[in-house]
Amino acid sequence: MSDNRPVNLDIGTISFPLPAIASITHRISGVILFVGVGVLLWMLDASLASQASFDELMSTLQSPLAKLVIWGIVAALIYHSIAGIKHLIMDMGVGETLEGGQLGAKLTVGISTVLIILAGLWIW
């Protein structure tokens, strides 16, 4: 009996191409956004409940941890949006080749990195 199954399935030793990493990150950013919407809705509710809760929320948002959480949610939104635009462009038939996929992933990561850094400067 010939056994042609792979021997090593240790995910730590597998080298993923950039488009695969970009795709996995797109899914992870979607999960972060799903959780982040709950955080943002809680903050909206706290800001509208009363003047005292608004003032308390404003003082809480000045802490570095709160700014980091907001930056994380905004970063997930930026990356997810840029990757989504890339997918829409690919759905129109542009960049469906191997080279196009590599270029699209590089552009997605590059543009997202620049916008996430700018958002971090804006938040901090």
N, C-alpha and C. Protein backbone atom coordinates (compact mmCIF):
# COMPACT_ATOMS: atom_id res chain seq x y z
N MET A 1 0.84 -1.17 0.00
CA MET A 1 0.00 0.00 0.00
C MET A 1 0.89 1.24 0.00
N SER A 2 0.67 2.13 -0.95
CA SER A 2 1.46 3.36 -1.06
C SER A 2 0.78 4.46 -0.25
N ASP A 3 1.55 5.08 0.61
CA ASP A 3 1.03 6.15 1.45
C ASP A 3 1.68 7.46 1.03
N ASN A 4 0.92 8.33 0.34
CA ASN A 4 1.46 9.59 -0.16
C ASN A 4 1.02 10.79 0.68
N ARG A 5 0.54 10.53 1.86
CA ARG A 5 0.10 11.64 2.71
C ARG A 5 1.31 12.42 3.22
N PRO A 6 1.13 13.72 3.50
CA PRO A 6 2.24 14.51 4.04
C PRO A 6 2.67 13.99 5.40
N VAL A 7 3.96 14.08 5.65
CA VAL A 7 4.51 13.57 6.90
C VAL A 7 4.49 14.65 7.97
N ASN A 8 4.87 15.87 7.63
CA ASN A 8 5.02 16.94 8.60
C ASN A 8 3.84 17.91 8.47
N LEU A 9 3.00 17.95 9.46
CA LEU A 9 1.87 18.89 9.46
C LEU A 9 2.01 19.93 10.56
N ASP A 10 3.24 20.19 11.01
CA ASP A 10 3.49 21.21 12.03
C ASP A 10 3.29 22.57 11.38
N ILE A 11 2.24 23.28 11.77
CA ILE A 11 1.88 24.54 11.12
C ILE A 11 2.96 25.61 11.33
N GLY A 12 3.77 25.44 12.35
CA GLY A 12 4.84 26.41 12.61
C GLY A 12 5.96 26.34 11.59
N THR A 13 6.10 25.23 10.91
CA THR A 13 7.18 25.08 9.93
C THR A 13 6.71 25.34 8.50
N ILE A 14 5.40 25.53 8.31
CA ILE A 14 4.87 25.78 6.97
C ILE A 14 5.01 27.26 6.66
N SER A 15 5.54 27.57 5.50
CA SER A 15 5.72 28.95 5.08
C SER A 15 4.55 29.36 4.18
N PHE A 16 3.71 30.25 4.68
CA PHE A 16 2.56 30.70 3.91
C PHE A 16 2.96 31.84 2.98
N PRO A 17 2.41 31.89 1.77
CA PRO A 17 2.65 33.03 0.89
C PRO A 17 1.90 34.26 1.40
N LEU A 18 2.35 35.43 0.95
CA LEU A 18 1.75 36.69 1.42
C LEU A 18 0.25 36.76 1.16
N PRO A 19 -0.27 36.34 0.00
CA PRO A 19 -1.73 36.39 -0.17
C PRO A 19 -2.49 35.54 0.85
N ALA A 20 -1.92 34.42 1.26
CA ALA A 20 -2.58 33.60 2.28
C ALA A 20 -2.59 34.31 3.63
N ILE A 21 -1.49 34.95 3.97
CA ILE A 21 -1.41 35.69 5.24
C ILE A 21 -2.40 36.86 5.21
N ALA A 22 -2.48 37.55 4.05
CA ALA A 22 -3.41 38.67 3.92
C ALA A 22 -4.85 38.19 4.05
N SER A 23 -5.16 37.03 3.50
CA SER A 23 -6.51 36.48 3.58
C SER A 23 -6.87 36.08 5.01
N ILE A 24 -5.94 35.45 5.69
CA ILE A 24 -6.18 35.05 7.08
C ILE A 24 -6.35 36.29 7.96
N THR A 25 -5.52 37.29 7.73
CA THR A 25 -5.61 38.53 8.50
C THR A 25 -6.94 39.24 8.23
N HIS A 26 -7.44 39.15 7.01
CA HIS A 26 -8.73 39.74 6.68
C HIS A 26 -9.84 39.09 7.51
N ARG A 27 -9.78 37.79 7.67
CA ARG A 27 -10.77 37.09 8.48
C ARG A 27 -10.64 37.45 9.96
N ILE A 28 -9.40 37.55 10.44
CA ILE A 28 -9.16 37.91 11.84
C ILE A 28 -9.66 39.33 12.12
N SER A 29 -9.43 40.24 11.17
CA SER A 29 -9.90 41.61 11.37
C SER A 29 -11.43 41.67 11.40
N GLY A 30 -12.10 40.77 10.67
CA GLY A 30 -13.56 40.71 10.73
C GLY A 30 -14.05 40.28 12.10
N VAL A 31 -13.36 39.33 12.71
CA VAL A 31 -13.73 38.89 14.07
C VAL A 31 -13.48 40.02 15.07
N ILE A 32 -12.36 40.73 14.92
CA ILE A 32 -12.07 41.85 15.81
C ILE A 32 -13.14 42.93 15.67
N LEU A 33 -13.58 43.18 14.45
CA LEU A 33 -14.64 44.17 14.24
C LEU A 33 -15.96 43.73 14.87
N PHE A 34 -16.25 42.45 14.79
CA PHE A 34 -17.48 41.94 15.40
C PHE A 34 -17.49 42.21 16.90
N VAL A 35 -16.38 41.95 17.55
CA VAL A 35 -16.27 42.21 18.99
C VAL A 35 -16.20 43.72 19.25
N GLY A 36 -15.48 44.44 18.38
CA GLY A 36 -15.32 45.87 18.55
C GLY A 36 -16.61 46.65 18.44
N VAL A 37 -17.55 46.17 17.63
CA VAL A 37 -18.85 46.85 17.54
C VAL A 37 -19.55 46.82 18.89
N GLY A 38 -19.41 45.73 19.62
CA GLY A 38 -19.99 45.67 20.96
C GLY A 38 -19.38 46.70 21.89
N VAL A 39 -18.07 46.86 21.82
CA VAL A 39 -17.38 47.86 22.64
C VAL A 39 -17.85 49.27 22.26
N LEU A 40 -17.93 49.52 20.96
CA LEU A 40 -18.34 50.85 20.50
C LEU A 40 -19.79 51.15 20.86
N LEU A 41 -20.67 50.14 20.79
CA LEU A 41 -22.06 50.35 21.19
C LEU A 41 -22.18 50.61 22.68
N TRP A 42 -21.35 49.92 23.48
CA TRP A 42 -21.35 50.18 24.92
C TRP A 42 -20.91 51.63 25.18
N MET A 43 -19.88 52.08 24.46
CA MET A 43 -19.42 53.47 24.65
C MET A 43 -20.48 54.47 24.20
N LEU A 44 -21.19 54.17 23.12
CA LEU A 44 -22.27 55.05 22.68
C LEU A 44 -23.36 55.12 23.73
N ASP A 45 -23.74 53.98 24.28
CA ASP A 45 -24.76 53.96 25.32
C ASP A 45 -24.32 54.76 26.55
N ALA A 46 -23.05 54.59 26.94
CA ALA A 46 -22.54 55.32 28.10
C ALA A 46 -22.49 56.82 27.82
N SER A 47 -22.19 57.19 26.59
CA SER A 47 -22.10 58.63 26.29
C SER A 47 -23.47 59.29 26.24
N LEU A 48 -24.52 58.52 25.98
CA LEU A 48 -25.87 59.10 25.87
C LEU A 48 -26.71 58.94 27.11
N ALA A 49 -26.25 58.18 28.10
CA ALA A 49 -27.06 57.90 29.29
C ALA A 49 -27.28 59.15 30.14
N SER A 50 -26.21 59.86 30.44
CA SER A 50 -26.33 61.07 31.25
C SER A 50 -25.05 61.88 31.10
N GLN A 51 -25.09 63.08 31.62
CA GLN A 51 -23.90 63.93 31.56
C GLN A 51 -22.77 63.33 32.40
N ALA A 52 -23.12 62.75 33.52
CA ALA A 52 -22.11 62.15 34.40
C ALA A 52 -21.44 60.95 33.74
N SER A 53 -22.25 60.09 33.10
CA SER A 53 -21.64 58.93 32.43
C SER A 53 -20.82 59.36 31.22
N PHE A 54 -21.24 60.44 30.54
CA PHE A 54 -20.45 60.97 29.44
C PHE A 54 -19.09 61.47 29.93
N ASP A 55 -19.11 62.22 31.03
CA ASP A 55 -17.86 62.73 31.59
C ASP A 55 -16.95 61.58 32.05
N GLU A 56 -17.55 60.55 32.64
CA GLU A 56 -16.77 59.39 33.07
C GLU A 56 -16.15 58.66 31.87
N LEU A 57 -16.93 58.52 30.80
CA LEU A 57 -16.42 57.87 29.60
C LEU A 57 -15.29 58.69 28.99
N MET A 58 -15.43 59.99 28.97
CA MET A 58 -14.38 60.85 28.41
C MET A 58 -13.09 60.74 29.21
N SER A 59 -13.20 60.65 30.52
CA SER A 59 -11.99 60.49 31.33
C SER A 59 -11.39 59.10 31.14
N THR A 60 -12.24 58.09 30.97
CA THR A 60 -11.75 56.73 30.72
C THR A 60 -11.03 56.65 29.38
N LEU A 61 -11.55 57.34 28.38
CA LEU A 61 -10.94 57.30 27.04
C LEU A 61 -9.59 58.01 26.97
N GLN A 62 -9.21 58.71 28.01
CA GLN A 62 -7.89 59.35 28.04
C GLN A 62 -6.79 58.39 28.46
N SER A 63 -7.16 57.22 28.98
CA SER A 63 -6.15 56.27 29.44
C SER A 63 -5.49 55.59 28.24
N PRO A 64 -4.22 55.21 28.38
CA PRO A 64 -3.51 54.54 27.28
C PRO A 64 -4.16 53.22 26.86
N LEU A 65 -4.73 52.48 27.81
CA LEU A 65 -5.36 51.22 27.47
C LEU A 65 -6.59 51.44 26.59
N ALA A 66 -7.40 52.43 26.92
CA ALA A 66 -8.59 52.73 26.12
C ALA A 66 -8.19 53.20 24.72
N LYS A 67 -7.15 54.01 24.64
CA LYS A 67 -6.68 54.47 23.33
C LYS A 67 -6.16 53.30 22.50
N LEU A 68 -5.51 52.35 23.16
CA LEU A 68 -5.01 51.16 22.47
C LEU A 68 -6.18 50.31 21.93
N VAL A 69 -7.23 50.18 22.72
CA VAL A 69 -8.40 49.42 22.28
C VAL A 69 -9.06 50.11 21.08
N ILE A 70 -9.23 51.41 21.16
CA ILE A 70 -9.83 52.16 20.05
C ILE A 70 -8.96 52.05 18.81
N TRP A 71 -7.64 52.17 18.99
CA TRP A 71 -6.72 52.06 17.86
C TRP A 71 -6.79 50.67 17.23
N GLY A 72 -6.93 49.65 18.07
CA GLY A 72 -7.07 48.28 17.56
C GLY A 72 -8.33 48.11 16.74
N ILE A 73 -9.43 48.67 17.20
CA ILE A 73 -10.69 48.58 16.46
C ILE A 73 -10.59 49.35 15.15
N VAL A 74 -10.01 50.54 15.20
CA VAL A 74 -9.85 51.34 13.98
C VAL A 74 -8.89 50.65 13.02
N ALA A 75 -7.82 50.06 13.53
CA ALA A 75 -6.87 49.34 12.67
C ALA A 75 -7.55 48.16 11.99
N ALA A 76 -8.38 47.43 12.73
CA ALA A 76 -9.11 46.31 12.13
C ALA A 76 -10.06 46.81 11.05
N LEU A 77 -10.71 47.93 11.30
CA LEU A 77 -11.62 48.50 10.31
C LEU A 77 -10.87 48.92 9.05
N ILE A 78 -9.72 49.55 9.23
CA ILE A 78 -8.93 49.99 8.08
C ILE A 78 -8.47 48.79 7.26
N TYR A 79 -7.87 47.80 7.92
CA TYR A 79 -7.36 46.65 7.19
C TYR A 79 -8.49 45.89 6.50
N HIS A 80 -9.58 45.68 7.22
CA HIS A 80 -10.70 44.93 6.67
C HIS A 80 -11.29 45.67 5.45
N SER A 81 -11.36 46.99 5.53
CA SER A 81 -11.89 47.77 4.41
C SER A 81 -10.98 47.70 3.19
N ILE A 82 -9.68 47.88 3.40
CA ILE A 82 -8.74 47.83 2.28
C ILE A 82 -8.73 46.44 1.65
N ALA A 83 -8.72 45.40 2.47
CA ALA A 83 -8.74 44.03 1.94
C ALA A 83 -10.07 43.75 1.23
N GLY A 84 -11.15 44.30 1.74
CA GLY A 84 -12.45 44.14 1.08
C GLY A 84 -12.48 44.81 -0.28
N ILE A 85 -11.88 45.99 -0.38
CA ILE A 85 -11.79 46.68 -1.68
C ILE A 85 -10.96 45.85 -2.65
N LYS A 86 -9.87 45.25 -2.15
CA LYS A 86 -9.05 44.38 -3.00
C LYS A 86 -9.88 43.20 -3.51
N HIS A 87 -10.69 42.62 -2.65
CA HIS A 87 -11.54 41.50 -3.06
C HIS A 87 -12.58 41.94 -4.09
N LEU A 88 -13.14 43.14 -3.92
CA LEU A 88 -14.10 43.64 -4.90
C LEU A 88 -13.44 43.86 -6.27
N ILE A 89 -12.22 44.37 -6.25
CA ILE A 89 -11.49 44.56 -7.51
C ILE A 89 -11.19 43.22 -8.16
N MET A 90 -10.81 42.23 -7.34
CA MET A 90 -10.54 40.90 -7.88
C MET A 90 -11.83 40.25 -8.41
N ASP A 91 -12.98 40.55 -7.80
CA ASP A 91 -14.24 40.03 -8.30
C ASP A 91 -14.60 40.58 -9.67
N MET A 92 -14.03 41.75 -10.01
CA MET A 92 -14.25 42.33 -11.33
C MET A 92 -13.29 41.75 -12.37
N GLY A 93 -12.42 40.82 -11.94
CA GLY A 93 -11.52 40.16 -12.87
C GLY A 93 -10.13 40.75 -12.94
N VAL A 94 -9.84 41.72 -12.10
CA VAL A 94 -8.52 42.36 -12.12
C VAL A 94 -7.65 41.70 -11.05
N GLY A 95 -6.46 41.27 -11.41
CA GLY A 95 -5.51 40.73 -10.45
C GLY A 95 -5.78 39.30 -10.03
N GLU A 96 -6.34 38.51 -10.91
CA GLU A 96 -6.64 37.11 -10.56
C GLU A 96 -5.47 36.16 -10.81
N THR A 97 -4.39 36.66 -11.39
CA THR A 97 -3.22 35.81 -11.62
C THR A 97 -2.39 35.71 -10.35
N LEU A 98 -1.39 34.84 -10.38
CA LEU A 98 -0.51 34.69 -9.22
C LEU A 98 0.23 35.99 -8.93
N GLU A 99 0.72 36.63 -9.98
CA GLU A 99 1.43 37.91 -9.81
C GLU A 99 0.47 38.99 -9.31
N GLY A 100 -0.75 38.99 -9.84
CA GLY A 100 -1.75 39.96 -9.40
C GLY A 100 -2.13 39.76 -7.95
N GLY A 101 -2.22 38.51 -7.52
CA GLY A 101 -2.52 38.23 -6.12
C GLY A 101 -1.41 38.70 -5.20
N GLN A 102 -0.15 38.48 -5.62
CA GLN A 102 0.99 38.95 -4.84
C GLN A 102 0.98 40.48 -4.74
N LEU A 103 0.76 41.14 -5.89
CA LEU A 103 0.75 42.61 -5.89
C LEU A 103 -0.40 43.15 -5.04
N GLY A 104 -1.58 42.52 -5.17
CA GLY A 104 -2.73 42.96 -4.38
C GLY A 104 -2.49 42.81 -2.89
N ALA A 105 -1.86 41.71 -2.49
CA ALA A 105 -1.55 41.51 -1.07
C ALA A 105 -0.54 42.54 -0.59
N LYS A 106 0.48 42.81 -1.40
CA LYS A 106 1.49 43.81 -1.01
C LYS A 106 0.85 45.19 -0.88
N LEU A 107 0.00 45.55 -1.84
CA LEU A 107 -0.67 46.86 -1.76
C LEU A 107 -1.59 46.94 -0.55
N THR A 108 -2.30 45.85 -0.28
CA THR A 108 -3.20 45.83 0.88
C THR A 108 -2.43 46.04 2.18
N VAL A 109 -1.35 45.32 2.34
CA VAL A 109 -0.55 45.44 3.56
C VAL A 109 0.09 46.83 3.63
N GLY A 110 0.63 47.31 2.53
CA GLY A 110 1.30 48.62 2.52
C GLY A 110 0.36 49.77 2.81
N ILE A 111 -0.75 49.82 2.09
CA ILE A 111 -1.71 50.91 2.28
C ILE A 111 -2.30 50.86 3.69
N SER A 112 -2.63 49.66 4.14
CA SER A 112 -3.19 49.51 5.48
C SER A 112 -2.20 49.95 6.56
N THR A 113 -0.93 49.59 6.38
CA THR A 113 0.08 49.98 7.37
C THR A 113 0.18 51.50 7.48
N VAL A 114 0.22 52.17 6.34
CA VAL A 114 0.32 53.64 6.35
C VAL A 114 -0.91 54.25 7.02
N LEU A 115 -2.09 53.78 6.65
CA LEU A 115 -3.32 54.34 7.23
C LEU A 115 -3.46 54.02 8.72
N ILE A 116 -3.01 52.84 9.14
CA ILE A 116 -3.08 52.48 10.56
C ILE A 116 -2.13 53.34 11.38
N ILE A 117 -0.95 53.61 10.84
CA ILE A 117 -0.01 54.50 11.55
C ILE A 117 -0.58 55.90 11.65
N LEU A 118 -1.17 56.40 10.56
CA LEU A 118 -1.79 57.73 10.60
C LEU A 118 -2.94 57.77 11.61
N ALA A 119 -3.73 56.71 11.67
CA ALA A 119 -4.82 56.65 12.64
C ALA A 119 -4.27 56.63 14.06
N GLY A 120 -3.17 55.92 14.26
CA GLY A 120 -2.54 55.90 15.60
C GLY A 120 -2.06 57.27 16.01
N LEU A 121 -1.48 58.01 15.08
CA LEU A 121 -1.05 59.38 15.38
C LEU A 121 -2.25 60.26 15.71
N TRP A 122 -3.34 60.06 15.01
CA TRP A 122 -4.56 60.85 15.23
C TRP A 122 -5.16 60.53 16.61
N ILE A 123 -5.17 59.24 16.97
CA ILE A 123 -5.78 58.83 18.25
C ILE A 123 -4.92 59.21 19.43
N TRP A 124 -3.61 59.05 19.31
CA TRP A 124 -2.72 59.33 20.43
C TRP A 124 -2.42 60.80 20.48
